[in-house]
PDB file of all heavy atoms in Angstrom:
ATOM      1  N   THR A   1    -239.644 -29.492 199.250  1.00  0.00           N
ATOM      2  CA  THR A   1    -239.267 -30.889 199.470  1.00  0.00           C
ATOM      3  C   THR A   1    -238.744 -30.987 201.062  1.00  0.00           C
ATOM      4  O   THR A   1    -238.050 -30.085 201.536  1.00  0.00           O
ATOM      5  CB  THR A   1    -238.125 -31.166 198.656  1.00  0.00           C
ATOM      6  OG1 THR A   1    -238.457 -31.173 197.329  1.00  0.00           O
ATOM      7  CG2 THR A   1    -237.502 -32.651 198.895  1.00  0.00           C
ATOM      8  N   HIS A   2    -239.386 -31.967 201.677  1.00  0.00           N
ATOM      9  CA  HIS A   2    -239.090 -32.411 203.038  1.00  0.00           C
ATOM     10  C   HIS A   2    -238.758 -31.062 203.886  1.00  0.00           C
ATOM     11  O   HIS A   2    -237.620 -30.791 204.062  1.00  0.00           O
ATOM     12  CB  HIS A   2    -238.076 -33.380 203.300  1.00  0.00           C
ATOM     13  CG  HIS A   2    -236.703 -33.382 202.496  1.00  0.00           C
ATOM     14  ND1 HIS A   2    -235.935 -32.327 202.302  1.00  0.00           N
ATOM     15  CD2 HIS A   2    -236.201 -34.431 201.698  1.00  0.00           C
ATOM     16  CE1 HIS A   2    -234.967 -32.597 201.573  1.00  0.00           C
ATOM     17  NE2 HIS A   2    -235.120 -33.788 201.139  1.00  0.00           N
ATOM     18  N   MET A   3    -239.749 -30.458 204.185  1.00  0.00           N
ATOM     19  CA  MET A   3    -239.744 -29.210 204.913  1.00  0.00           C
ATOM     20  C   MET A   3    -238.887 -29.168 206.243  1.00  0.00           C
ATOM     21  O   MET A   3    -238.914 -30.145 206.868  1.00  0.00           O
ATOM     22  CB  MET A   3    -241.140 -28.791 205.383  1.00  0.00           C
ATOM     23  CG  MET A   3    -241.329 -27.322 206.245  1.00  0.00           C
ATOM     24  SD  MET A   3    -240.877 -26.058 205.133  1.00  0.00           S
ATOM     25  CE  MET A   3    -240.933 -24.675 206.160  1.00  0.00           C
ATOM     26  N   PHE A   4    -238.006 -28.129 206.327  1.00  0.00           N
ATOM     27  CA  PHE A   4    -237.009 -27.995 207.315  1.00  0.00           C
ATOM     28  C   PHE A   4    -235.677 -28.767 207.108  1.00  0.00           C
ATOM     29  O   PHE A   4    -234.604 -28.382 207.564  1.00  0.00           O
ATOM     30  CB  PHE A   4    -237.489 -28.495 208.761  1.00  0.00           C
ATOM     31  CG  PHE A   4    -238.788 -27.599 209.181  1.00  0.00           C
ATOM     32  CD1 PHE A   4    -239.951 -28.153 209.296  1.00  0.00           C
ATOM     33  CD2 PHE A   4    -238.586 -26.366 209.517  1.00  0.00           C
ATOM     34  CE1 PHE A   4    -241.035 -27.497 209.627  1.00  0.00           C
ATOM     35  CE2 PHE A   4    -239.734 -25.543 210.059  1.00  0.00           C
ATOM     36  CZ  PHE A   4    -240.844 -26.155 210.059  1.00  0.00           C
ATOM     37  N   ASN A   5    -235.813 -29.867 206.256  1.00  0.00           N
ATOM     38  CA  ASN A   5    -234.634 -30.706 206.094  1.00  0.00           C
ATOM     39  C   ASN A   5    -233.746 -30.203 204.791  1.00  0.00           C
ATOM     40  O   ASN A   5    -234.461 -30.082 203.837  1.00  0.00           O
ATOM     41  CB  ASN A   5    -234.872 -32.271 205.962  1.00  0.00           C
ATOM     42  CG  ASN A   5    -235.591 -32.698 207.312  1.00  0.00           C
ATOM     43  OD1 ASN A   5    -236.630 -33.140 207.159  1.00  0.00           O
ATOM     44  ND2 ASN A   5    -234.825 -32.668 208.320  1.00  0.00           N
ATOM     45  N   ALA A   6    -232.499 -30.117 204.906  1.00  0.00           N
ATOM     46  CA  ALA A   6    -231.592 -29.738 203.754  1.00  0.00           C
ATOM     47  C   ALA A   6    -232.052 -28.448 203.079  1.00  0.00           C
ATOM     48  O   ALA A   6    -232.216 -28.341 201.973  1.00  0.00           O
ATOM     49  CB  ALA A   6    -231.617 -30.942 202.681  1.00  0.00           C
ATOM     50  N   MET A   7    -232.306 -27.437 204.002  1.00  0.00           N
ATOM     51  CA  MET A   7    -232.670 -26.124 203.443  1.00  0.00           C
ATOM     52  C   MET A   7    -232.128 -24.989 204.300  1.00  0.00           C
ATOM     53  O   MET A   7    -231.936 -25.352 205.576  1.00  0.00           O
ATOM     54  CB  MET A   7    -234.023 -25.964 203.129  1.00  0.00           C
ATOM     55  CG  MET A   7    -235.157 -26.179 204.340  1.00  0.00           C
ATOM     56  SD  MET A   7    -236.786 -25.912 203.845  1.00  0.00           S
ATOM     57  CE  MET A   7    -237.126 -27.114 202.614  1.00  0.00           C
ATOM     58  N   ARG A   8    -231.807 -23.880 203.929  1.00  0.00           N
ATOM     59  CA  ARG A   8    -231.410 -22.625 204.604  1.00  0.00           C
ATOM     60  C   ARG A   8    -232.367 -22.442 205.695  1.00  0.00           C
ATOM     61  O   ARG A   8    -233.479 -22.184 205.629  1.00  0.00           O
ATOM     62  CB  ARG A   8    -231.108 -21.570 203.712  1.00  0.00           C
ATOM     63  CG  ARG A   8    -230.379 -20.391 204.409  1.00  0.00           C
ATOM     64  CD  ARG A   8    -230.304 -19.147 203.495  1.00  0.00           C
ATOM     65  NE  ARG A   8    -229.480 -18.134 204.049  1.00  0.00           N
ATOM     66  CZ  ARG A   8    -228.151 -17.982 203.840  1.00  0.00           C
ATOM     67  NH1 ARG A   8    -227.595 -18.765 202.979  1.00  0.00           N
ATOM     68  NH2 ARG A   8    -227.457 -16.979 204.442  1.00  0.00           N
ATOM     69  N   HIS A   9    -231.926 -22.398 206.859  1.00  0.00           N
ATOM     70  CA  HIS A   9    -232.757 -22.195 208.084  1.00  0.00           C
ATOM     71  C   HIS A   9    -233.098 -20.671 208.273  1.00  0.00           C
ATOM     72  O   HIS A   9    -232.577 -19.674 207.709  1.00  0.00           O
ATOM     73  CB  HIS A   9    -232.094 -22.739 209.271  1.00  0.00           C
ATOM     74  CG  HIS A   9    -232.201 -24.196 209.262  1.00  0.00           C
ATOM     75  ND1 HIS A   9    -231.453 -24.952 210.314  1.00  0.00           N
ATOM     76  CD2 HIS A   9    -232.775 -25.093 208.564  1.00  0.00           C
ATOM     77  CE1 HIS A   9    -231.684 -26.300 210.065  1.00  0.00           C
ATOM     78  NE2 HIS A   9    -232.396 -26.363 209.002  1.00  0.00           N
ATOM     79  N   LEU A  10    -234.116 -20.413 209.236  1.00  0.00           N
ATOM     80  CA  LEU A  10    -234.519 -19.020 209.559  1.00  0.00           C
ATOM     81  C   LEU A  10    -233.434 -18.181 210.315  1.00  0.00           C
ATOM     82  O   LEU A  10    -232.732 -18.738 211.220  1.00  0.00           O
ATOM     83  CB  LEU A  10    -235.813 -19.285 210.495  1.00  0.00           C
ATOM     84  CG  LEU A  10    -236.386 -17.993 211.035  1.00  0.00           C
ATOM     85  CD1 LEU A  10    -237.018 -17.232 209.962  1.00  0.00           C
ATOM     86  CD2 LEU A  10    -237.436 -18.246 212.135  1.00  0.00           C
ATOM     87  N   HIS A  11    -233.283 -17.030 209.786  1.00  0.00           N
ATOM     88  CA  HIS A  11    -232.386 -16.029 210.495  1.00  0.00           C
ATOM     89  C   HIS A  11    -233.164 -14.687 210.583  1.00  0.00           C
ATOM     90  O   HIS A  11    -234.026 -14.379 209.903  1.00  0.00           O
ATOM     91  CB  HIS A  11    -231.234 -15.917 209.610  1.00  0.00           C
ATOM     92  CG  HIS A  11    -230.023 -15.083 210.272  1.00  0.00           C
ATOM     93  ND1 HIS A  11    -230.031 -13.631 210.335  1.00  0.00           N
ATOM     94  CD2 HIS A  11    -229.022 -15.519 210.996  1.00  0.00           C
ATOM     95  CE1 HIS A  11    -228.964 -13.249 210.962  1.00  0.00           C
ATOM     96  NE2 HIS A  11    -228.357 -14.356 211.488  1.00  0.00           N
ATOM     97  N   HIS A  12    -232.870 -14.033 211.727  1.00  0.00           N
ATOM     98  CA  HIS A  12    -233.517 -12.873 212.021  1.00  0.00           C
ATOM     99  C   HIS A  12    -233.419 -11.671 211.056  1.00  0.00           C
ATOM    100  O   HIS A  12    -234.183 -10.707 211.007  1.00  0.00           O
ATOM    101  CB  HIS A  12    -233.291 -12.290 213.459  1.00  0.00           C
ATOM    102  CG  HIS A  12    -231.926 -11.928 213.721  1.00  0.00           C
ATOM    103  ND1 HIS A  12    -230.866 -12.932 213.987  1.00  0.00           N
ATOM    104  CD2 HIS A  12    -231.276 -10.706 213.823  1.00  0.00           C
ATOM    105  CE1 HIS A  12    -229.753 -12.199 214.228  1.00  0.00           C
ATOM    106  NE2 HIS A  12    -229.976 -10.969 213.996  1.00  0.00           N
ATOM    107  N   ARG A  13    -232.429 -11.793 210.237  1.00  0.00           N
ATOM    108  CA  ARG A  13    -232.107 -10.738 209.113  1.00  0.00           C
ATOM    109  C   ARG A  13    -232.541 -11.145 207.780  1.00  0.00           C
ATOM    110  O   ARG A  13    -232.625 -10.393 206.939  1.00  0.00           O
ATOM    111  CB  ARG A  13    -230.612 -10.320 209.253  1.00  0.00           C
ATOM    112  CG  ARG A  13    -230.234  -9.493 210.503  1.00  0.00           C
ATOM    113  CD  ARG A  13    -228.933  -8.782 210.246  1.00  0.00           C
ATOM    114  NE  ARG A  13    -228.585  -8.049 211.512  1.00  0.00           N
ATOM    115  CZ  ARG A  13    -227.853  -8.590 212.449  1.00  0.00           C
ATOM    116  NH1 ARG A  13    -227.300  -9.796 212.312  1.00  0.00           N
ATOM    117  NH2 ARG A  13    -227.554  -7.987 213.513  1.00  0.00           N
ATOM    118  N   ASP A  14    -232.662 -12.558 207.610  1.00  0.00           N
ATOM    119  CA  ASP A  14    -233.257 -13.002 206.366  1.00  0.00           C
ATOM    120  C   ASP A  14    -233.875 -14.255 206.716  1.00  0.00           C
ATOM    121  O   ASP A  14    -233.431 -15.213 207.404  1.00  0.00           O
ATOM    122  CB  ASP A  14    -232.074 -13.340 205.408  1.00  0.00           C
ATOM    123  CG  ASP A  14    -232.549 -13.702 204.003  1.00  0.00           C
ATOM    124  OD1 ASP A  14    -233.366 -14.657 203.932  1.00  0.00           O
ATOM    125  OD2 ASP A  14    -232.114 -13.038 203.049  1.00  0.00           O
ATOM    126  N   PRO A  15    -235.309 -14.389 206.430  1.00  0.00           N
ATOM    127  CA  PRO A  15    -235.906 -15.546 206.726  1.00  0.00           C
ATOM    128  C   PRO A  15    -235.464 -16.902 206.189  1.00  0.00           C
ATOM    129  O   PRO A  15    -235.866 -17.905 206.488  1.00  0.00           O
ATOM    130  CB  PRO A  15    -237.399 -15.264 206.239  1.00  0.00           C
ATOM    131  CG  PRO A  15    -237.172 -14.162 205.260  1.00  0.00           C
ATOM    132  CD  PRO A  15    -236.017 -13.356 205.724  1.00  0.00           C
ATOM    133  N   GLY A  16    -234.575 -16.755 205.037  1.00  0.00           N
ATOM    134  CA  GLY A  16    -234.041 -17.943 204.541  1.00  0.00           C
ATOM    135  C   GLY A  16    -235.084 -18.648 203.782  1.00  0.00           C
ATOM    136  O   GLY A  16    -236.148 -18.333 203.613  1.00  0.00           O
ATOM    137  N   THR A  17    -234.702 -19.981 203.539  1.00  0.00           N
ATOM    138  CA  THR A  17    -235.753 -20.913 202.895  1.00  0.00           C
ATOM    139  C   THR A  17    -236.839 -21.282 203.740  1.00  0.00           C
ATOM    140  O   THR A  17    -238.088 -21.172 203.373  1.00  0.00           O
ATOM    141  CB  THR A  17    -235.145 -22.130 202.373  1.00  0.00           C
ATOM    142  OG1 THR A  17    -233.870 -21.840 201.671  1.00  0.00           O
ATOM    143  CG2 THR A  17    -236.049 -22.858 201.342  1.00  0.00           C
ATOM    144  N   VAL A  18    -236.567 -21.756 205.036  1.00  0.00           N
ATOM    145  CA  VAL A  18    -237.586 -22.132 206.021  1.00  0.00           C
ATOM    146  C   VAL A  18    -238.413 -20.982 206.261  1.00  0.00           C
ATOM    147  O   VAL A  18    -239.755 -21.179 206.255  1.00  0.00           O
ATOM    148  CB  VAL A  18    -236.865 -22.532 207.273  1.00  0.00           C
ATOM    149  CG1 VAL A  18    -237.871 -22.776 208.363  1.00  0.00           C
ATOM    150  CG2 VAL A  18    -236.172 -23.857 207.067  1.00  0.00           C
ATOM    151  N   GLY A  19    -238.091 -19.781 206.589  1.00  0.00           N
ATOM    152  CA  GLY A  19    -238.887 -18.700 206.947  1.00  0.00           C
ATOM    153  C   GLY A  19    -239.779 -18.186 205.712  1.00  0.00           C
ATOM    154  O   GLY A  19    -240.877 -17.844 205.964  1.00  0.00           O
ATOM    155  N   SER A  20    -239.263 -18.257 204.526  1.00  0.00           N
ATOM    156  CA  SER A  20    -239.981 -17.659 203.515  1.00  0.00           C
ATOM    157  C   SER A  20    -241.182 -18.739 203.118  1.00  0.00           C
ATOM    158  O   SER A  20    -242.210 -18.414 202.722  1.00  0.00           O
ATOM    159  CB  SER A  20    -239.134 -17.767 202.167  1.00  0.00           C
ATOM    160  OG  SER A  20    -238.025 -16.995 202.430  1.00  0.00           O
ATOM    161  N   ILE A  21    -240.900 -20.063 203.251  1.00  0.00           N
ATOM    162  CA  ILE A  21    -241.984 -21.048 203.097  1.00  0.00           C
ATOM    163  C   ILE A  21    -243.073 -20.960 204.038  1.00  0.00           C
ATOM    164  O   ILE A  21    -244.246 -20.933 203.825  1.00  0.00           O
ATOM    165  CB  ILE A  21    -241.310 -22.558 203.083  1.00  0.00           C
ATOM    166  CG1 ILE A  21    -240.490 -22.610 201.915  1.00  0.00           C
ATOM    167  CG2 ILE A  21    -242.520 -23.431 203.039  1.00  0.00           C
ATOM    168  CD1 ILE A  21    -239.716 -23.992 201.926  1.00  0.00           C
ATOM    169  N   LEU A  22    -242.645 -20.793 205.305  1.00  0.00           N
ATOM    170  CA  LEU A  22    -243.601 -20.568 206.439  1.00  0.00           C
ATOM    171  C   LEU A  22    -244.435 -19.345 206.268  1.00  0.00           C
ATOM    172  O   LEU A  22    -245.647 -19.442 206.610  1.00  0.00           O
ATOM    173  CB  LEU A  22    -242.865 -20.509 207.828  1.00  0.00           C
ATOM    174  CG  LEU A  22    -242.288 -21.638 208.570  1.00  0.00           C
ATOM    175  CD1 LEU A  22    -241.387 -21.359 209.681  1.00  0.00           C
ATOM    176  CD2 LEU A  22    -243.343 -22.627 208.689  1.00  0.00           C
ATOM    177  N   THR A  23    -243.937 -18.275 205.719  1.00  0.00           N
ATOM    178  CA  THR A  23    -244.748 -17.069 205.626  1.00  0.00           C
ATOM    179  C   THR A  23    -245.381 -16.736 204.314  1.00  0.00           C
ATOM    180  O   THR A  23    -246.099 -15.703 204.134  1.00  0.00           O
ATOM    181  CB  THR A  23    -243.760 -15.836 205.903  1.00  0.00           C
ATOM    182  OG1 THR A  23    -242.687 -15.839 205.044  1.00  0.00           O
ATOM    183  CG2 THR A  23    -243.326 -15.810 207.333  1.00  0.00           C
ATOM    184  N   HIS A  24    -245.318 -17.776 203.390  1.00  0.00           N
ATOM    185  CA  HIS A  24    -246.018 -17.680 202.176  1.00  0.00           C
ATOM    186  C   HIS A  24    -246.938 -18.858 201.839  1.00  0.00           C
ATOM    187  O   HIS A  24    -246.445 -20.016 201.592  1.00  0.00           O
ATOM    188  CB  HIS A  24    -245.012 -17.600 200.928  1.00  0.00           C
ATOM    189  CG  HIS A  24    -244.333 -16.336 200.795  1.00  0.00           C
ATOM    190  ND1 HIS A  24    -244.954 -15.222 200.122  1.00  0.00           N
ATOM    191  CD2 HIS A  24    -243.118 -15.811 201.235  1.00  0.00           C
ATOM    192  CE1 HIS A  24    -244.203 -14.200 200.113  1.00  0.00           C
ATOM    193  NE2 HIS A  24    -243.083 -14.622 200.856  1.00  0.00           N
ATOM    194  N   ASN A  25    -248.200 -18.705 202.288  1.00  0.00           N
ATOM    195  CA  ASN A  25    -249.212 -19.796 202.242  1.00  0.00           C
ATOM    196  C   ASN A  25    -249.451 -20.298 200.910  1.00  0.00           C
ATOM    197  O   ASN A  25    -249.870 -21.488 200.758  1.00  0.00           O
ATOM    198  CB  ASN A  25    -250.532 -19.407 202.940  1.00  0.00           C
ATOM    199  CG  ASN A  25    -250.464 -19.607 204.418  1.00  0.00           C
ATOM    200  OD1 ASN A  25    -249.586 -20.256 205.025  1.00  0.00           O
ATOM    201  ND2 ASN A  25    -251.403 -19.008 205.180  1.00  0.00           N
ATOM    202  N   GLU A  26    -249.029 -19.661 199.813  1.00  0.00           N
ATOM    203  CA  GLU A  26    -249.167 -20.130 198.435  1.00  0.00           C
ATOM    204  C   GLU A  26    -248.195 -21.466 198.293  1.00  0.00           C
ATOM    205  O   GLU A  26    -248.284 -22.069 197.211  1.00  0.00           O
ATOM    206  CB  GLU A  26    -249.118 -19.145 197.399  1.00  0.00           C
ATOM    207  CG  GLU A  26    -247.761 -18.371 197.323  1.00  0.00           C
ATOM    208  CD  GLU A  26    -247.700 -17.179 198.169  1.00  0.00           C
ATOM    209  OE1 GLU A  26    -248.147 -17.174 199.263  1.00  0.00           O
ATOM    210  OE2 GLU A  26    -247.201 -16.177 197.647  1.00  0.00           O
ATOM    211  N   ILE A  27    -247.146 -21.528 199.082  1.00  0.00           N
ATOM    212  CA  ILE A  27    -246.177 -22.649 198.950  1.00  0.00           C
ATOM    213  C   ILE A  27    -246.645 -23.758 199.742  1.00  0.00           C
ATOM    214  O   ILE A  27    -246.753 -23.674 201.094  1.00  0.00           O
ATOM    215  CB  ILE A  27    -244.831 -22.135 199.376  1.00  0.00           C
ATOM    216  CG1 ILE A  27    -244.304 -20.877 198.525  1.00  0.00           C
ATOM    217  CG2 ILE A  27    -243.740 -23.271 199.239  1.00  0.00           C
ATOM    218  CD1 ILE A  27    -242.977 -20.399 198.993  1.00  0.00           C
ATOM    219  N   SER A  28    -246.759 -24.867 199.194  1.00  0.00           N
ATOM    220  CA  SER A  28    -247.104 -26.112 199.876  1.00  0.00           C
ATOM    221  C   SER A  28    -245.837 -26.748 200.199  1.00  0.00           C
ATOM    222  O   SER A  28    -244.796 -26.524 199.624  1.00  0.00           O
ATOM    223  CB  SER A  28    -248.084 -27.048 199.144  1.00  0.00           C
ATOM    224  OG  SER A  28    -247.427 -27.195 197.858  1.00  0.00           O
ATOM    225  N   CYS A  29    -245.849 -27.819 201.223  1.00  0.00           N
ATOM    226  CA  CYS A  29    -244.599 -28.516 201.418  1.00  0.00           C
ATOM    227  C   CYS A  29    -244.791 -29.897 201.889  1.00  0.00           C
ATOM    228  O   CYS A  29    -245.896 -30.310 202.337  1.00  0.00           O
ATOM    229  CB  CYS A  29    -243.889 -27.740 202.689  1.00  0.00           C
ATOM    230  SG  CYS A  29    -244.924 -27.740 204.217  1.00  0.00           S
ATOM    231  N   GLU A  30    -243.743 -30.696 201.667  1.00  0.00           N
ATOM    232  CA  GLU A  30    -243.668 -32.082 202.170  1.00  0.00           C
ATOM    233  C   GLU A  30    -243.274 -32.112 203.572  1.00  0.00           C
ATOM    234  O   GLU A  30    -242.709 -31.171 204.054  1.00  0.00           O
ATOM    235  CB  GLU A  30    -242.594 -32.837 201.561  1.00  0.00           C
ATOM    236  CG  GLU A  30    -242.798 -33.096 199.962  1.00  0.00           C
ATOM    237  CD  GLU A  30    -241.564 -33.836 199.347  1.00  0.00           C
ATOM    238  OE1 GLU A  30    -240.496 -34.056 200.142  1.00  0.00           O
ATOM    239  OE2 GLU A  30    -241.601 -34.229 198.240  1.00  0.00           O
ATOM    240  N   LEU A  31    -243.679 -33.122 204.261  1.00  0.00           N
ATOM    241  CA  LEU A  31    -243.237 -33.294 205.645  1.00  0.00           C
ATOM    242  C   LEU A  31    -243.035 -34.822 205.908  1.00  0.00           C
ATOM    243  O   LEU A  31    -243.819 -35.703 205.572  1.00  0.00           O
ATOM    244  CB  LEU A  31    -244.468 -32.904 206.619  1.00  0.00           C
ATOM    245  CG  LEU A  31    -244.174 -32.969 208.110  1.00  0.00           C
ATOM    246  CD1 LEU A  31    -242.908 -32.123 208.568  1.00  0.00           C
ATOM    247  CD2 LEU A  31    -245.485 -32.714 208.962  1.00  0.00           C
ATOM    248  N   ILE A  32    -241.856 -35.104 206.427  1.00  0.00           N
ATOM    249  CA  ILE A  32    -241.539 -36.405 206.866  1.00  0.00           C
ATOM    250  C   ILE A  32    -241.890 -36.515 208.351  1.00  0.00           C
ATOM    251  O   ILE A  32    -241.153 -36.104 209.241  1.00  0.00           O
ATOM    252  CB  ILE A  32    -239.960 -36.721 206.644  1.00  0.00           C
ATOM    253  CG1 ILE A  32    -239.481 -36.466 205.259  1.00  0.00           C
ATOM    254  CG2 ILE A  32    -239.668 -38.244 207.075  1.00  0.00           C
ATOM    255  CD1 ILE A  32    -238.029 -36.469 205.078  1.00  0.00           C
ATOM    256  N   ALA A  33    -243.036 -37.072 208.599  1.00  0.00           N
ATOM    257  CA  ALA A  33    -243.587 -37.104 209.967  1.00  0.00           C
ATOM    258  C   ALA A  33    -243.238 -38.366 210.737  1.00  0.00           C
ATOM    259  O   ALA A  33    -243.986 -39.128 211.129  1.00  0.00           O
ATOM    260  CB  ALA A  33    -245.209 -36.946 209.947  1.00  0.00           C
TER     261      ALA A  33
END
């Protein structure tokens, strides 16, 4: 849901929600452009 918004951000020790979605192409995402 609305990629980058209201989700745990990227951290260098844990990719969090954002990093995990970015690095797993099987996950699609919404974008509020």
